């Protein structure tokens, strides 16, 4: 792991623009790990807020709901941060917010009933991976340790921080639901030490025991990148190493992001599917970085047109996510997805320095949180020696960028790793 500049400016404020109503929503059917959702509506259909508009397709998939009342004006290809273009349901909104009623029978719900609510609410991992949450809550092996991830180690982004400050009791109610489903022996709530206000609120809540959990331990970790990676977090807290090609449940652990916990709370307590989320809008091109509650499917372009985000400089670089693992966008014509924790707007292009020969310093090896050999990947990709890549476990790379960040020879190691992974996947 490495120490990086944090640029966590927006963690000190949260916008009151909770109820911004977009005029049009672009809802890709692929917003999660797995197969895209299958549309249940047609062009011209009128939909209600929270109505199911696309069903899951197979086990590793999830459903999609309308974030607003309105009319389906098209089902067509639209810009997608990861896939570039993908089929999306496009809705013209009527701007009539729905009132949600509190469910009264929470304690009487069984594990299967809770899982069914989570499944039908379309919740995915909101830390970035966007894996269907109900599948993750059905591990094939026994779980003894539940880890709640509040680290948010990516530079600039601070939506999880603000969520912990503003909605901590809701997060804990979500944790109670996860606990009831999994019945772990231990629960750790993990947060980095650069989030003092959230730590203060966590200590107060835990010490006063204003929750139904029989136990929970707060772990304040030193700020390093990528501390929030689930395998790194598992090792930091339990000293268990997840073996190559294995998953956290193989070592008895499960990790859930704080925003995912809050989405579970809203689904179970308020019968509200995942139709909005807190998003960081950050970067030196903005007049004021901020965190905003945004409906899924809202376009960056409309946020700019409506003055919700304002630029003091024309952004030269737009990134979905943070600077280390984010994806560059060609324009503002992209929607907020379920897994979109933030967008970064920079006034200057990234200065790409000249790549120099490897000096075999092994700093990339020391920095790699997965214990891999990044220099070997670059060396073999350059030489066209792709057959040996699997021997060095290239698929275990999480593409965090630590190796490229620390390299004194400016070698774009993640670029070479992506090329190598593509070859291994297609061979």
Protein backbone atom coordinates (compact mmCIF):
# COMPACT_ATOMS: atom_id res chain seq x y z
CA UNK A 1 0.00 0.00 0.00
CA UNK A 2 1.07 3.61 -0.53
CA UNK A 3 0.49 7.05 0.94
CA UNK A 4 -1.20 9.36 -1.58
CA UNK A 5 -2.42 12.95 -1.55
CA UNK A 6 -6.00 12.86 -0.26
CA UNK A 7 -7.69 16.06 -1.52
CA UNK A 8 -10.71 15.31 0.69
CA UNK A 9 -12.18 18.82 0.52
CA UNK A 10 -15.88 17.90 0.20
CA UNK A 11 -15.90 15.86 3.38
CA UNK A 12 -16.63 19.05 5.31
CA UNK A 13 -19.93 19.80 3.64
CA UNK A 14 -23.03 18.15 2.28
CA UNK A 15 -25.51 19.80 -0.03
CA UNK A 16 -29.12 20.40 0.95
CA UNK A 17 -30.12 19.75 -2.68
CA UNK A 18 -31.50 16.36 -1.68
CA UNK A 19 -34.62 16.67 -3.76
CA UNK A 20 -33.23 17.77 -7.13
CA UNK A 21 -35.57 16.30 -9.72
CA UNK A 22 -34.03 15.58 -13.14
CA UNK A 23 -36.13 16.03 -16.26
CA UNK A 24 -34.76 12.90 -17.94
CA UNK A 25 -33.16 9.70 -16.67
CA UNK A 26 -30.84 7.33 -18.55
CA UNK A 27 -30.93 3.93 -16.88
CA UNK A 28 -28.47 1.38 -18.34
CA UNK A 29 -29.57 -2.23 -17.94
CA UNK A 30 -25.96 -3.06 -17.04
CA UNK A 31 -25.29 -1.34 -13.70
CA UNK A 32 -23.88 -4.30 -11.83
CA UNK A 33 -21.52 -7.24 -12.03
CA UNK A 34 -23.15 -10.02 -14.05
CA UNK A 35 -25.76 -10.20 -16.79
CA UNK A 36 -27.72 -7.03 -17.62
CA UNK A 37 -31.29 -6.66 -16.43
CA UNK A 38 -34.12 -7.46 -18.82
CA UNK A 39 -36.60 -4.64 -19.55
CA UNK A 40 -40.20 -5.08 -18.43
CA UNK A 41 -41.45 -1.84 -19.99
CA UNK A 42 -41.82 -0.54 -23.52
CA UNK A 43 -41.54 2.83 -25.18
CA UNK A 44 -44.60 4.91 -24.29
CA UNK A 45 -45.30 3.17 -20.95
CA UNK A 46 -46.03 5.37 -17.93
CA UNK A 47 -44.13 4.34 -14.79
CA UNK A 48 -44.33 5.20 -11.11
CA UNK A 49 -41.39 6.01 -8.84
CA UNK A 50 -39.88 2.78 -7.44
CA UNK A 51 -41.70 0.65 -10.04
CA UNK A 52 -39.82 -2.41 -11.27
CA UNK A 53 -38.82 -1.67 -14.87
CA UNK A 54 -36.25 -4.41 -15.51
CA UNK A 55 -35.89 -7.88 -14.02
CA UNK A 56 -32.76 -9.81 -13.11
CA UNK A 57 -31.45 -12.28 -15.66
CA UNK A 58 -30.00 -15.29 -13.88
CA UNK A 59 -28.34 -15.64 -10.47
CA UNK A 60 -25.56 -13.06 -10.97
CA UNK A 61 -27.78 -10.20 -12.01
CA UNK A 62 -30.19 -7.78 -10.39
CA UNK A 63 -33.32 -5.76 -11.08
CA UNK A 64 -33.84 -2.09 -11.88
CA UNK A 65 -36.47 0.38 -10.68
CA UNK A 66 -37.62 3.75 -11.93
CA UNK A 67 -36.17 6.55 -9.76
CA UNK A 68 -39.00 8.85 -10.80
CA UNK A 69 -42.56 8.93 -12.04
CA UNK A 70 -42.63 9.53 -15.79
CA UNK A 71 -42.92 8.13 -19.29
CA UNK A 72 -40.55 5.74 -21.06
CA UNK A 73 -39.51 7.71 -24.14
CA UNK A 74 -37.05 5.15 -25.50
CA UNK A 75 -35.05 1.97 -24.87
CA UNK A 76 -31.85 2.50 -26.78
CA UNK A 77 -28.06 2.58 -26.63
CA UNK A 78 -26.61 5.32 -24.42
CA UNK A 79 -23.21 6.26 -23.01
CA UNK A 80 -21.91 4.00 -20.24
CA UNK A 81 -18.81 4.78 -18.11
CA UNK A 82 -17.45 1.22 -18.33
CA UNK A 83 -18.99 -0.30 -21.47
CA UNK A 84 -18.86 2.96 -23.50
CA UNK A 85 -22.32 2.21 -24.93
CA UNK A 86 -25.08 0.05 -23.47
CA UNK A 87 -28.84 -0.41 -23.77
CA UNK A 88 -30.70 1.93 -21.42
CA UNK A 89 -34.28 2.75 -20.45
CA UNK A 90 -34.80 6.48 -20.96
CA UNK A 91 -37.51 8.14 -18.87
CA UNK A 92 -39.01 11.63 -19.15
CA UNK A 93 -39.74 12.59 -15.53
CA UNK A 94 -42.93 14.10 -14.09
CA UNK A 95 -41.23 15.43 -10.94
CA UNK A 96 -43.76 14.18 -8.42
CA UNK A 97 -41.77 12.63 -5.53
CA UNK A 98 -43.21 9.57 -3.84
CA UNK A 99 -43.85 9.38 -0.10
CA UNK A 100 -42.54 6.18 1.50
CA UNK A 101 -44.14 4.58 4.55
CA UNK A 102 -42.21 3.01 7.40
CA UNK A 103 -42.57 -0.78 7.56
CA UNK A 104 -43.88 -1.76 10.99
CA UNK A 105 -43.06 -5.47 11.18
CA UNK A 106 -39.26 -5.35 10.88
CA UNK A 107 -38.46 -7.62 13.85
CA UNK A 108 -40.85 -10.33 12.65
CA UNK A 109 -39.17 -10.69 9.24
CA UNK A 110 -37.28 -13.94 8.74
CA UNK A 111 -33.85 -14.28 7.10
CA UNK A 112 -35.44 -15.43 3.85
CA UNK A 113 -37.90 -12.54 3.89
CA UNK A 114 -35.08 -10.05 4.44
CA UNK A 115 -33.07 -11.57 1.61
CA UNK A 116 -36.10 -11.41 -0.66
CA UNK A 117 -36.58 -7.70 0.07
CA UNK A 118 -32.90 -6.98 -0.63
CA UNK A 119 -33.06 -9.02 -3.84
CA UNK A 120 -36.22 -7.28 -5.07
CA UNK A 121 -34.77 -3.84 -4.24
CA UNK A 122 -31.95 -4.14 -6.77
CA UNK A 123 -29.20 -3.41 -4.24
CA UNK A 124 -25.59 -3.85 -5.36
CA UNK A 125 -22.24 -3.24 -3.69
CA UNK A 126 -21.93 0.54 -3.65
CA UNK A 127 -18.22 0.73 -2.97
CA UNK A 128 -17.57 0.38 -6.70
CA UNK A 129 -17.73 -3.35 -7.47
CA UNK A 130 -21.55 -3.30 -7.85
CA UNK A 131 -21.88 -7.03 -7.16
CA UNK A 132 -25.51 -8.07 -6.44
CA UNK A 133 -25.86 -7.81 -2.66
CA UNK A 134 -28.36 -10.62 -2.14
CA UNK A 135 -25.91 -13.07 -3.78
CA UNK A 136 -23.13 -11.88 -1.49
CA UNK A 137 -25.43 -12.49 1.48
CA UNK A 138 -25.79 -16.14 0.44
CA UNK A 139 -22.17 -17.31 0.82
CA UNK A 140 -21.56 -21.03 0.18
CA UNK A 141 -19.44 -21.23 3.32
CA UNK A 142 -19.92 -20.24 6.94
CA UNK A 143 -19.08 -16.62 7.82
CA UNK A 144 -17.67 -15.84 11.25
CA UNK A 145 -16.49 -12.28 10.61
CA UNK A 146 -18.47 -9.37 9.14
CA UNK A 147 -16.45 -6.28 8.18
CA UNK A 148 -18.17 -2.95 7.52
CA UNK A 149 -16.05 -0.85 5.16
CA UNK A 150 -16.02 2.88 5.86
CA UNK A 151 -12.45 3.49 4.72
CA UNK A 152 -13.11 5.25 1.38
CA UNK A 153 -9.40 5.39 0.55
CA UNK A 154 -9.65 6.76 -3.02
CA UNK A 155 -8.39 10.38 -3.16
CA UNK A 156 -10.94 13.20 -3.48
CA UNK A 157 -14.05 11.08 -2.86
CA UNK A 158 -15.94 11.67 0.39
CA UNK A 159 -19.55 10.52 -0.11
CA UNK A 160 -19.15 7.60 2.30
CA UNK A 161 -17.63 9.94 4.87
CA UNK A 162 -20.60 12.26 4.72
CA UNK A 163 -23.02 9.32 4.79
CA UNK A 164 -21.43 8.12 8.03
CA UNK A 165 -21.73 11.61 9.53
CA UNK A 166 -25.29 12.26 8.39
CA UNK A 167 -26.93 8.80 8.30
CA UNK A 168 -25.04 6.65 10.81
CA UNK A 169 -28.11 5.26 12.58
CA UNK A 170 -29.53 4.11 9.22
CA UNK A 171 -26.20 2.44 8.42
CA UNK A 172 -26.34 0.58 11.75
CA UNK A 173 -29.90 -0.57 11.11
CA UNK A 174 -28.61 -1.98 7.82
CA UNK A 175 -25.82 -3.76 9.73
CA UNK A 176 -28.43 -5.24 12.10
CA UNK A 177 -30.24 -6.72 9.09
CA UNK A 178 -27.01 -8.21 7.69
CA UNK A 179 -26.23 -9.63 11.13
CA UNK A 180 -29.63 -11.30 11.34
CA UNK A 181 -29.04 -12.95 7.96
CA UNK A 182 -25.43 -14.09 8.51
CA UNK A 183 -25.16 -14.44 12.33
CA UNK A 184 -21.39 -13.79 12.40
CA UNK A 185 -19.39 -14.20 15.61
CA UNK A 186 -17.55 -10.91 15.13
CA UNK A 187 -18.36 -7.54 13.53
CA UNK A 188 -15.71 -4.92 12.77
CA UNK A 189 -16.57 -1.39 11.66
CA UNK A 190 -13.47 -0.11 9.85
CA UNK A 191 -12.65 3.51 9.11
CA UNK A 192 -9.45 5.41 8.30
CA UNK A 193 -8.09 7.96 10.75
CA UNK A 194 -8.61 10.88 8.33
CA UNK A 195 -12.37 10.99 9.10
CA UNK A 196 -12.52 12.54 12.60
CA UNK A 197 -16.15 13.65 12.60
CA UNK A 198 -17.38 10.19 11.59
CA UNK A 199 -15.10 8.54 14.17
CA UNK A 200 -16.53 10.79 16.90
CA UNK A 201 -20.10 9.85 15.96
CA UNK A 202 -19.20 6.15 15.73
CA UNK A 203 -17.65 6.15 19.20
CA UNK A 204 -20.71 7.89 20.64
CA UNK A 205 -23.15 5.47 18.99
CA UNK A 206 -21.17 2.38 19.97
CA UNK A 207 -20.59 3.53 23.56
CA UNK A 208 -24.28 4.35 24.11
CA UNK A 209 -25.30 1.06 22.42
CA UNK A 210 -28.16 2.59 20.45
CA UNK A 211 -28.52 -0.48 18.26
CA UNK A 212 -29.63 -4.11 18.46
CA UNK A 213 -26.29 -5.74 17.68
CA UNK A 214 -24.88 -7.93 20.48
CA UNK A 215 -21.35 -6.75 19.66
CA UNK A 216 -19.39 -4.56 17.26
CA UNK A 217 -15.79 -3.37 17.36
CA UNK A 218 -14.59 -0.07 15.87
CA UNK A 219 -11.22 -0.29 14.11
CA UNK A 220 -9.61 3.05 13.24
CA UNK A 221 -6.93 2.29 10.65
CA UNK A 222 -4.04 4.38 9.42
CA UNK A 223 -4.75 6.12 6.14
CA UNK A 224 -3.16 4.23 3.27
CA UNK A 225 -4.26 3.43 -0.26
CA UNK A 226 -5.94 1.01 -1.06
CA UNK A 227 -6.92 0.30 2.54
CA UNK A 228 -10.56 -0.08 1.47
CA UNK A 229 -9.90 -3.03 -0.85
CA UNK A 230 -11.73 -5.95 0.74
CA UNK A 231 -8.77 -8.34 0.76
CA UNK A 232 -6.51 -5.64 2.20
CA UNK A 233 -9.12 -4.78 4.82
CA UNK A 234 -9.53 -8.43 5.81
CA UNK A 235 -5.79 -8.75 6.36
CA UNK A 236 -5.52 -5.43 8.23
CA UNK A 237 -8.23 -6.48 10.68
CA UNK A 238 -7.94 -10.27 10.98
CA UNK A 239 -4.46 -11.05 9.55
CA UNK A 240 -6.14 -13.63 7.31
CA UNK A 241 -4.91 -13.74 3.72
CA UNK A 242 -7.39 -14.53 0.98
CA UNK A 243 -5.53 -17.01 -1.29
CA UNK A 244 -5.07 -16.47 -5.01
CA UNK A 245 -8.30 -17.06 -6.99
CA UNK A 246 -10.28 -17.31 -3.72
CA UNK A 247 -12.92 -15.01 -2.25
CA UNK A 248 -13.40 -13.53 1.25
CA UNK A 249 -15.89 -16.23 2.29
CA UNK A 250 -13.10 -18.78 1.79
CA UNK A 251 -11.48 -17.34 4.93
CA UNK A 252 -14.77 -16.88 6.78
CA UNK A 253 -15.16 -13.15 6.10
CA UNK A 254 -17.63 -10.88 4.35
CA UNK A 255 -17.13 -7.17 3.63
CA UNK A 256 -19.92 -4.65 3.03
CA UNK A 257 -19.60 -0.96 2.22
CA UNK A 258 -21.38 1.58 4.44
CA UNK A 259 -23.48 2.88 1.53
CA UNK A 260 -24.66 -0.67 0.83
CA UNK A 261 -25.70 -1.00 4.48
CA UNK A 262 -27.71 2.22 4.21
CA UNK A 263 -29.40 1.01 1.01
CA UNK A 264 -30.37 -2.22 2.82
CA UNK A 265 -31.87 -0.14 5.64
CA UNK A 266 -33.95 1.94 3.22
CA UNK A 267 -35.15 -1.18 1.39
CA UNK A 268 -36.24 -3.05 4.51
CA UNK A 269 -37.54 -0.17 6.66
CA UNK A 270 -39.05 2.03 3.94
CA UNK A 271 -39.65 -0.40 1.08
CA UNK A 272 -37.46 1.85 -1.06
CA UNK A 273 -35.38 0.23 -3.82
CA UNK A 274 -31.96 1.50 -4.81
CA UNK A 275 -32.98 4.53 -6.89
CA UNK A 276 -30.70 7.26 -5.51
CA UNK A 277 -27.35 7.61 -3.79
CA UNK A 278 -24.94 10.13 -2.30
CA UNK A 279 -22.32 11.17 -4.87
CA UNK A 280 -19.13 13.26 -4.55
CA UNK A 281 -18.52 15.91 -7.20
CA UNK A 282 -14.93 16.98 -6.79
CA UNK A 283 -11.89 18.44 -8.51
CA UNK A 284 -10.23 21.82 -9.07
CA UNK A 285 -12.39 22.59 -12.13
CA UNK A 286 -15.47 22.98 -9.91
CA UNK A 287 -16.53 26.21 -8.22
CA UNK A 288 -17.26 24.22 -5.05
CA UNK A 289 -16.79 20.47 -4.54
CA UNK A 290 -19.83 18.93 -2.88
CA UNK A 291 -21.72 15.75 -2.03
CA UNK A 292 -25.22 15.48 -3.49
CA UNK A 293 -28.10 13.04 -3.28
CA UNK A 294 -28.65 12.08 -6.92
CA UNK A 295 -31.24 9.85 -8.56
CA UNK A 296 -29.73 6.94 -10.46
CA UNK A 297 -29.77 7.73 -14.18
CA UNK A 298 -29.30 11.50 -13.82
CA UNK A 299 -26.84 12.81 -16.43
CA UNK A 300 -23.84 14.97 -15.58
CA UNK A 301 -24.88 17.18 -18.47
CA UNK A 302 -28.22 18.05 -16.84
CA UNK A 303 -26.55 18.67 -13.49
CA UNK A 304 -24.38 21.28 -15.21
CA UNK A 305 -27.25 22.77 -17.21
CA UNK A 306 -29.38 23.17 -14.08
CA UNK A 307 -26.51 24.75 -12.14
CA UNK A 308 -26.30 21.92 -9.62
CA UNK A 309 -22.59 21.62 -10.39
CA UNK A 310 -20.71 24.70 -11.67
CA UNK A 311 -17.30 25.01 -13.25
CA UNK A 312 -14.76 27.78 -12.76
CA UNK A 313 -12.58 26.12 -15.42
CA UNK A 314 -13.66 23.99 -18.36
CA UNK A 315 -12.74 20.46 -17.24
CA UNK A 316 -9.93 18.95 -19.29
CA UNK A 317 -10.32 15.59 -17.61
CA UNK A 318 -13.55 14.00 -16.35
CA UNK A 319 -13.25 10.80 -14.35
CA UNK A 320 -15.99 8.50 -13.09
CA UNK A 321 -14.58 7.53 -9.70
CA UNK A 322 -11.29 8.66 -8.21
CA UNK A 323 -7.90 9.35 -9.81
CA UNK A 324 -6.40 5.96 -8.95
CA UNK A 325 -9.04 3.53 -10.22
CA UNK A 326 -11.54 5.75 -11.99
CA UNK A 327 -12.53 5.68 -15.67
CA UNK A 328 -12.02 8.68 -17.97
CA UNK A 329 -15.15 10.03 -19.68
CA UNK A 330 -15.20 11.84 -23.03
CA UNK A 331 -17.95 14.29 -22.05
CA UNK A 332 -20.65 15.15 -19.49
CA UNK A 333 -23.16 13.02 -21.39
CA UNK A 334 -22.99 10.12 -18.93
CA UNK A 335 -25.42 8.99 -16.20
CA UNK A 336 -24.93 8.33 -12.50
CA UNK A 337 -25.02 4.56 -11.90
CA UNK A 338 -25.70 2.51 -8.78
CA UNK A 339 -21.95 2.12 -8.25
CA UNK A 340 -21.02 5.77 -8.93
CA UNK A 341 -19.54 7.07 -5.69
CA UNK A 342 -18.12 10.20 -7.28
CA UNK A 343 -17.00 12.16 -10.32
CA UNK A 344 -13.72 14.02 -10.62
CA UNK A 345 -13.32 17.17 -12.76
CA UNK A 346 -9.76 18.36 -13.38
CA UNK A 347 -8.71 21.62 -15.02
CA UNK A 348 -5.61 20.07 -16.56
CA UNK A 349 -4.83 16.89 -18.42
CA UNK A 350 -2.76 14.36 -16.52
CA UNK A 351 0.91 15.02 -17.24
CA UNK A 352 2.18 11.77 -18.77
CA UNK A 353 5.92 11.63 -18.17
CA UNK A 354 8.28 9.80 -20.46
CA UNK A 355 8.54 6.09 -19.73
CA UNK A 356 12.09 5.14 -18.73
CA UNK A 357 13.75 1.71 -18.47
CA UNK A 358 12.99 -0.35 -15.38
CA UNK A 359 15.79 0.01 -12.82
CA UNK A 360 14.75 -3.14 -10.91
CA UNK A 361 14.22 -1.20 -7.68
CA UNK A 362 11.24 -3.41 -6.75
CA UNK A 363 9.29 -0.48 -5.30
CA UNK A 364 6.24 -1.68 -7.24
CA UNK A 365 6.56 -5.07 -5.56
CA UNK A 366 6.74 -3.46 -2.12
CA UNK A 367 3.72 -1.26 -2.87
CA UNK A 368 1.48 -3.98 -4.34
CA UNK A 369 -1.29 -4.73 -1.81
CA UNK A 370 -1.83 -8.15 -3.41
CA UNK A 371 1.80 -9.27 -3.08
CA UNK A 372 2.27 -9.54 -6.87
CA UNK A 373 5.16 -8.76 -9.23
CA UNK A 374 3.99 -5.86 -11.44
CA UNK A 375 7.37 -5.50 -13.12
CA UNK A 376 7.07 -9.05 -14.49
CA UNK A 377 3.73 -8.24 -16.14
CA UNK A 378 5.14 -5.19 -17.92
CA UNK A 379 8.26 -7.08 -18.97
CA UNK A 380 6.34 -10.01 -20.47
CA UNK A 381 3.66 -7.92 -22.16
CA UNK A 382 6.34 -5.79 -23.83
CA UNK A 383 8.09 -8.94 -25.03
CA UNK A 384 4.83 -10.56 -26.20
CA UNK A 385 5.43 -13.41 -23.74
CA UNK A 386 1.81 -13.72 -22.64
CA UNK A 387 1.84 -17.43 -21.78
CA UNK A 388 3.67 -16.88 -18.48
CA UNK A 389 1.27 -14.23 -17.16
CA UNK A 390 -1.03 -16.71 -15.43
CA UNK A 391 1.94 -18.23 -13.60
CA UNK A 392 2.38 -14.83 -11.94
CA UNK A 393 -1.35 -14.65 -11.01
CA UNK A 394 -2.14 -11.61 -13.13
CA UNK A 395 -5.88 -12.07 -12.54
CA UNK A 396 -5.34 -11.33 -8.84
CA UNK A 397 -4.36 -7.76 -9.71
CA UNK A 398 -7.06 -5.30 -8.56
CA UNK A 399 -5.68 -2.52 -10.81
CA UNK A 400 -5.39 -0.14 -7.85
CA UNK A 401 -2.52 1.77 -9.49
CA UNK A 402 -0.12 1.65 -6.52
CA UNK A 403 2.63 0.20 -8.69
CA UNK A 404 2.41 2.90 -11.36
CA UNK A 405 2.09 5.63 -8.72
CA UNK A 406 5.29 4.58 -6.97
CA UNK A 407 7.39 3.73 -10.07
CA UNK A 408 10.41 6.09 -10.43
CA UNK A 409 10.71 5.17 -14.13
CA UNK A 410 7.15 6.33 -14.92
CA UNK A 411 6.22 2.92 -16.37
CA UNK A 412 2.43 2.73 -16.94
CA UNK A 413 2.23 -0.64 -15.23
CA UNK A 414 -1.57 -0.78 -14.99
CA UNK A 415 -1.78 -0.18 -18.74
CA UNK A 416 0.41 -3.22 -19.40
CA UNK A 417 -1.53 -5.26 -16.84
CA UNK A 418 -4.83 -4.46 -18.57
CA UNK A 419 -3.36 -5.63 -21.88
CA UNK A 420 -2.08 -8.81 -20.26
CA UNK A 421 -5.42 -9.54 -18.58
CA UNK A 422 -7.22 -9.11 -21.90
CA UNK A 423 -4.94 -11.67 -23.52
CA UNK A 424 -5.32 -14.16 -20.65
CA UNK A 425 -9.13 -13.79 -20.69
CA UNK A 426 -9.39 -14.26 -24.45
CA UNK A 427 -6.88 -17.11 -24.76
